[in-house]
Amino acid sequence: MTDWNTNPVVITAAITGADVTRADNPNVPYTPQEIAESSLRSIEAGAAIAALHVREDDGTPSGRPDLFKQVVDRIRAGSDAALTNVSTGGSNSMTIEERMGGLRAAPDMCGVETGSMNFGDETFITPPPAAREIIARATGQGTALEVEAFEVGHIISAVRLAREGVLPAPLRVNLVFGVPGGIDASPEALDAMLRPLPDGTFWTVTCVGRQHQRMLALALLRGASGVRTGLEDVAYIAKGVLAPSNEALVARLVGLAKTLGREVATPGQARELAGVG
């Protein structure tokens, strides 16, 4: 088994999400230009992957392919090595087809949920046939997949899909902590989420809310393949201090990683480590 600090850690910047608004933090980017420019500044600060949702100009979550294409094209024009990872989660109000709008931008990667869950006061539905459709669509066009796992059952389902050959190797899983309705943000929860992962899984940790820094530190010390930060996940950079930008959050995470003995992967190294062409 690889030592915990043998490989550099891949940093993902989650730029805007679908649920955090400017009421939570006035620095959340909305327009394609704002999202792309924030992505490029985050890449310059040390991120290798930009995790992307898109929005209408008023901040409403969107699945419009043209908005995703504008963002992906702008990022690629500014950085030919960084990875683009589009969400197929979208928002609770979207159809599965609308949630797949980002695939039409031909990103490097896309997320896929392998199960449904309560999400705050709502229920976020991803039936197994929908997950298989997203996987087939992405695989057919050469887009790599990352499973978005909010509880242990999502990982069990992903491993089963991988064993069945539905989900192609290598297995990439983003372990998400702290979402109301999902697994809690604690060391014990991290242990539970790691238990079902097969050897060789490329695993990343995301934490929403006030345990953000703690869970990322634990992940770094446990040898995580990647860690994620950004305004999608956390509004504050310190207690009572709103994060001024995505790149400020990335820079803080770069510092944390190096303090804990982890080098930070370049975009080129990230492609190799994650198995993304």
Protein backbone atom coordinates (compact mmCIF):
# COMPACT_ATOMS: atom_id res chain seq x y z
CA MET A 1 0.00 0.00 0.00
CA THR A 2 1.27 3.48 -0.91
CA ASP A 3 2.48 5.55 2.04
CA TRP A 4 0.16 8.38 2.99
CA ASN A 5 2.46 11.07 1.61
CA THR A 6 4.08 9.33 -1.36
CA ASN A 7 1.90 10.97 -4.01
CA PRO A 8 1.14 14.66 -4.30
CA VAL A 9 -2.43 15.58 -3.41
CA VAL A 10 -4.81 16.83 -6.10
CA ILE A 11 -6.72 19.99 -5.17
CA THR A 12 -10.16 20.64 -6.63
CA ALA A 13 -11.74 24.09 -6.58
CA ALA A 14 -15.55 23.93 -6.34
CA ILE A 15 -16.38 27.28 -7.84
CA THR A 16 -20.06 28.05 -7.39
CA GLY A 17 -22.33 25.07 -6.74
CA ALA A 18 -26.11 25.30 -6.92
CA ASP A 19 -27.17 26.11 -3.37
CA VAL A 20 -24.84 28.81 -2.01
CA THR A 21 -25.92 32.30 -3.05
CA ARG A 22 -24.62 35.82 -2.69
CA ALA A 23 -26.83 36.10 0.38
CA ASP A 24 -24.43 33.58 1.96
CA ASN A 25 -21.28 35.15 0.51
CA PRO A 26 -21.35 38.12 -1.91
CA ASN A 27 -18.25 36.78 -3.68
CA VAL A 28 -19.96 33.72 -5.19
CA PRO A 29 -19.51 33.87 -9.01
CA TYR A 30 -22.66 33.60 -11.15
CA THR A 31 -21.98 34.41 -14.82
CA PRO A 32 -19.93 32.17 -17.16
CA GLN A 33 -17.19 34.79 -17.29
CA GLU A 34 -17.07 35.09 -13.49
CA ILE A 35 -17.02 31.31 -13.03
CA ALA A 36 -14.28 30.81 -15.63
CA GLU A 37 -12.12 33.64 -14.33
CA SER A 38 -12.47 32.40 -10.75
CA SER A 39 -11.54 28.90 -11.95
CA LEU A 40 -8.40 30.16 -13.66
CA ARG A 41 -7.32 32.16 -10.61
CA SER A 42 -7.89 29.06 -8.47
CA ILE A 43 -5.76 26.98 -10.84
CA GLU A 44 -3.03 29.58 -10.60
CA ALA A 45 -3.27 29.35 -6.79
CA GLY A 46 -2.73 25.58 -6.84
CA ALA A 47 -5.90 23.78 -7.89
CA ALA A 48 -5.67 21.17 -10.65
CA ILE A 49 -9.41 20.56 -11.15
CA ALA A 50 -12.28 23.04 -11.47
CA ALA A 51 -15.57 21.51 -10.29
CA LEU A 52 -18.31 23.28 -12.21
CA HIS A 53 -21.96 24.14 -11.90
CA VAL A 54 -23.45 26.98 -13.95
CA ARG A 55 -26.05 29.60 -13.18
CA GLU A 56 -28.25 32.12 -14.87
CA ASP A 57 -27.15 35.71 -14.39
CA ASP A 58 -29.48 36.06 -11.38
CA GLY A 59 -27.86 33.09 -9.65
CA THR A 60 -30.52 30.50 -10.48
CA PRO A 61 -28.97 27.02 -10.96
CA SER A 62 -28.92 26.06 -14.64
CA GLY A 63 -28.25 23.03 -16.80
CA ARG A 64 -27.96 24.97 -20.05
CA PRO A 65 -25.27 23.40 -22.26
CA ASP A 66 -24.30 26.76 -23.77
CA LEU A 67 -23.40 28.13 -20.33
CA PHE A 68 -21.27 25.08 -19.53
CA LYS A 69 -19.57 25.37 -22.92
CA GLN A 70 -18.73 29.02 -22.34
CA VAL A 71 -17.12 28.17 -19.00
CA VAL A 72 -15.22 25.08 -20.19
CA ASP A 73 -13.96 26.84 -23.32
CA ARG A 74 -12.75 29.86 -21.32
CA ILE A 75 -10.91 27.65 -18.84
CA ARG A 76 -9.23 25.67 -21.61
CA ALA A 77 -8.20 28.87 -23.36
CA GLY A 78 -6.51 30.01 -20.15
CA SER A 79 -5.06 26.66 -19.01
CA ASP A 80 -4.55 23.74 -21.36
CA ALA A 81 -3.58 21.30 -18.57
CA ALA A 82 -6.19 21.88 -15.85
CA LEU A 83 -9.13 19.48 -15.61
CA THR A 84 -12.76 20.50 -15.92
CA ASN A 85 -15.28 18.47 -13.92
CA VAL A 86 -18.95 19.29 -14.52
CA SER A 87 -21.78 18.41 -12.20
CA THR A 88 -24.65 16.17 -13.28
CA GLY A 89 -26.31 16.89 -9.95
CA GLY A 90 -27.63 20.28 -10.96
CA SER A 91 -30.57 21.09 -8.73
CA ASN A 92 -33.54 19.23 -7.35
CA SER A 93 -35.89 20.92 -9.84
CA MET A 94 -34.05 19.65 -12.95
CA THR A 95 -34.83 16.58 -15.01
CA ILE A 96 -32.08 14.00 -15.55
CA GLU A 97 -31.67 15.29 -19.10
CA GLU A 98 -31.20 18.86 -17.83
CA ARG A 99 -28.72 17.60 -15.26
CA MET A 100 -26.64 16.14 -18.10
CA GLY A 101 -26.41 19.48 -19.90
CA GLY A 102 -22.77 19.93 -18.95
CA LEU A 103 -21.76 16.79 -20.82
CA ARG A 104 -22.43 18.62 -24.08
CA ALA A 105 -19.48 20.87 -23.26
CA ALA A 106 -17.16 17.82 -23.56
CA PRO A 107 -15.52 18.25 -20.13
CA ASP A 108 -12.64 16.14 -18.92
CA MET A 109 -14.71 14.70 -16.06
CA CYS A 110 -18.24 14.65 -14.70
CA GLY A 111 -19.77 13.69 -11.40
CA VAL A 112 -22.40 10.99 -11.00
CA GLU A 113 -24.60 10.23 -8.00
CA THR A 114 -25.13 6.52 -7.41
CA GLY A 115 -28.12 6.92 -5.11
CA SER A 116 -30.81 9.24 -3.81
CA MET A 117 -30.87 11.09 -0.49
CA ASN A 118 -32.62 13.63 1.67
CA PHE A 119 -30.94 16.98 1.06
CA GLY A 120 -31.96 19.44 3.74
CA ASP A 121 -35.75 19.68 3.54
CA GLU A 122 -35.86 18.21 0.04
CA THR A 123 -35.26 14.81 -1.50
CA PHE A 124 -32.66 14.53 -4.25
CA ILE A 125 -33.57 11.65 -6.54
CA THR A 126 -31.13 9.70 -8.70
CA PRO A 127 -32.69 6.32 -9.57
CA PRO A 128 -30.26 3.55 -10.58
CA PRO A 129 -31.35 3.71 -14.27
CA ALA A 130 -30.56 7.43 -14.30
CA ALA A 131 -27.09 6.83 -12.87
CA ARG A 132 -26.45 4.20 -15.54
CA GLU A 133 -27.63 6.60 -18.23
CA ILE A 134 -25.25 9.30 -17.03
CA ILE A 135 -22.39 6.79 -16.90
CA ALA A 136 -23.14 5.51 -20.40
CA ARG A 137 -23.42 9.01 -21.86
CA ALA A 138 -20.14 10.14 -20.28
CA THR A 139 -18.26 6.95 -21.15
CA GLY A 140 -19.49 7.05 -24.72
CA GLN A 141 -17.96 10.47 -25.29
CA GLY A 142 -14.74 9.82 -23.39
CA THR A 143 -15.54 11.85 -20.27
CA ALA A 144 -14.08 10.39 -17.06
CA LEU A 145 -16.44 9.79 -14.13
CA GLU A 146 -16.26 10.72 -10.47
CA VAL A 147 -18.83 9.25 -8.05
CA GLU A 148 -20.30 11.82 -5.65
CA ALA A 149 -20.90 9.84 -2.44
CA PHE A 150 -22.89 11.45 0.37
CA GLU A 151 -23.29 8.31 2.48
CA VAL A 152 -21.89 4.78 2.68
CA GLY A 153 -24.65 3.23 0.56
CA HIS A 154 -23.62 5.40 -2.37
CA ILE A 155 -20.13 3.89 -2.21
CA ILE A 156 -21.48 0.35 -1.98
CA SER A 157 -23.57 1.02 -5.10
CA ALA A 158 -20.57 2.48 -6.93
CA VAL A 159 -18.38 -0.51 -6.10
CA ARG A 160 -21.11 -2.84 -7.37
CA LEU A 161 -21.38 -0.88 -10.62
CA ALA A 162 -17.61 -1.05 -11.01
CA ARG A 163 -17.58 -4.82 -10.44
CA GLU A 164 -20.37 -5.23 -12.99
CA GLY A 165 -18.31 -3.30 -15.53
CA VAL A 166 -20.89 -0.50 -15.76
CA LEU A 167 -18.62 2.04 -14.12
CA PRO A 168 -15.25 1.93 -15.90
CA ALA A 169 -11.92 1.79 -14.11
CA PRO A 170 -10.23 3.54 -12.47
CA LEU A 171 -12.77 4.17 -9.71
CA ARG A 172 -12.84 7.79 -8.60
CA VAL A 173 -14.96 8.72 -5.58
CA ASN A 174 -15.56 12.10 -3.96
CA LEU A 175 -16.50 11.52 -0.31
CA VAL A 176 -18.85 14.32 0.75
CA PHE A 177 -19.36 15.13 4.43
CA GLY A 178 -21.60 17.54 6.29
CA VAL A 179 -24.58 17.84 3.93
CA PRO A 180 -27.84 17.75 5.95
CA GLY A 181 -29.29 14.34 5.12
CA GLY A 182 -25.90 12.83 4.33
CA ILE A 183 -23.13 11.45 6.51
CA ASP A 184 -21.79 13.69 9.28
CA ALA A 185 -18.40 15.39 9.28
CA SER A 186 -16.34 13.43 11.80
CA PRO A 187 -13.28 11.15 11.95
CA GLU A 188 -15.58 8.16 12.49
CA ALA A 189 -17.53 9.07 9.36
CA LEU A 190 -14.32 9.21 7.33
CA ASP A 191 -13.43 5.71 8.53
CA ALA A 192 -16.89 4.45 7.54
CA MET A 193 -16.66 5.94 4.05
CA LEU A 194 -13.16 4.58 3.45
CA ARG A 195 -13.99 1.02 4.52
CA PRO A 196 -15.76 -0.12 1.29
CA LEU A 197 -13.30 1.49 -1.13
CA PRO A 198 -11.26 -1.02 -3.17
CA ASP A 199 -7.49 -0.68 -3.28
CA GLY A 200 -6.43 1.71 -6.00
CA THR A 201 -9.46 3.99 -5.71
CA PHE A 202 -8.76 7.66 -6.41
CA TRP A 203 -10.57 9.27 -3.48
CA THR A 204 -11.20 12.89 -2.68
CA VAL A 205 -12.72 14.51 0.41
CA THR A 206 -15.25 17.34 0.36
CA CYS A 207 -16.76 18.83 3.51
CA VAL A 208 -19.59 21.33 3.61
CA GLY A 209 -19.81 23.81 6.46
CA ARG A 210 -17.89 24.56 9.63
CA GLN A 211 -15.95 21.26 9.83
CA HIS A 212 -14.45 21.96 6.40
CA GLN A 213 -10.86 22.61 7.46
CA ARG A 214 -10.82 19.79 10.02
CA MET A 215 -12.03 17.13 7.58
CA LEU A 216 -9.60 18.23 4.87
CA ALA A 217 -6.74 18.03 7.37
CA LEU A 218 -7.81 14.51 8.37
CA ALA A 219 -8.01 13.52 4.71
CA LEU A 220 -4.52 14.83 4.01
CA LEU A 221 -3.11 12.84 6.92
CA ARG A 222 -4.97 9.70 5.83
CA GLY A 223 -3.38 9.85 2.38
CA ALA A 224 -6.31 11.18 0.36
CA SER A 225 -5.74 11.29 -3.38
CA GLY A 226 -7.44 14.67 -3.45
CA VAL A 227 -9.11 17.35 -1.35
CA ARG A 228 -11.66 19.96 -2.38
CA THR A 229 -12.40 23.52 -1.35
CA GLY A 230 -14.26 26.48 -2.75
CA LEU A 231 -17.30 28.67 -2.32
CA GLU A 232 -19.60 25.78 -3.21
CA ASP A 233 -18.54 24.11 0.04
CA VAL A 234 -17.71 26.84 2.53
CA ALA A 235 -18.59 30.54 2.84
CA TYR A 236 -15.98 31.44 5.46
CA ILE A 237 -12.19 31.41 5.39
CA ALA A 238 -11.89 31.95 9.15
CA LYS A 239 -14.31 32.27 12.03
CA GLY A 240 -16.61 35.18 11.22
CA VAL A 241 -14.61 36.11 8.08
CA LEU A 242 -16.23 35.56 4.69
CA ALA A 243 -13.94 34.02 2.07
CA PRO A 244 -12.95 36.76 -0.40
CA SER A 245 -12.62 34.35 -3.33
CA ASN A 246 -12.19 30.75 -4.42
CA GLU A 247 -8.48 31.30 -4.97
CA ALA A 248 -8.07 32.47 -1.38
CA LEU A 249 -9.59 29.18 -0.18
CA VAL A 250 -7.31 27.23 -2.53
CA ALA A 251 -4.24 29.10 -1.29
CA ARG A 252 -5.20 28.29 2.30
CA LEU A 253 -5.54 24.60 1.41
CA VAL A 254 -2.19 24.56 -0.39
CA GLY A 255 -0.62 25.92 2.78
CA LEU A 256 -2.38 23.33 4.93
CA ALA A 257 -1.27 20.48 2.67
CA LYS A 258 2.37 21.54 2.75
CA THR A 259 2.28 22.06 6.51
CA LEU A 260 1.03 18.49 6.92
CA GLY A 261 3.71 17.04 4.66
CA ARG A 262 1.86 16.72 1.37
CA GLU A 263 3.08 18.12 -1.92
CA VAL A 264 0.45 19.58 -4.22
CA ALA A 265 -0.11 18.02 -7.64
CA THR A 266 0.26 20.04 -10.80
CA PRO A 267 -2.53 19.69 -13.37
CA GLY A 268 -0.32 17.31 -15.36
CA GLN A 269 0.33 15.15 -12.32
CA ALA A 270 -3.38 15.24 -11.48
CA ARG A 271 -4.27 13.82 -14.87
CA GLU A 272 -1.85 10.93 -14.34
CA LEU A 273 -2.90 10.23 -10.74
CA ALA A 274 -6.63 10.34 -11.55
CA GLY A 275 -6.22 8.37 -14.76
CA VAL A 276 -7.76 11.06 -16.92
CA GLY A 277 -6.42 11.38 -20.46
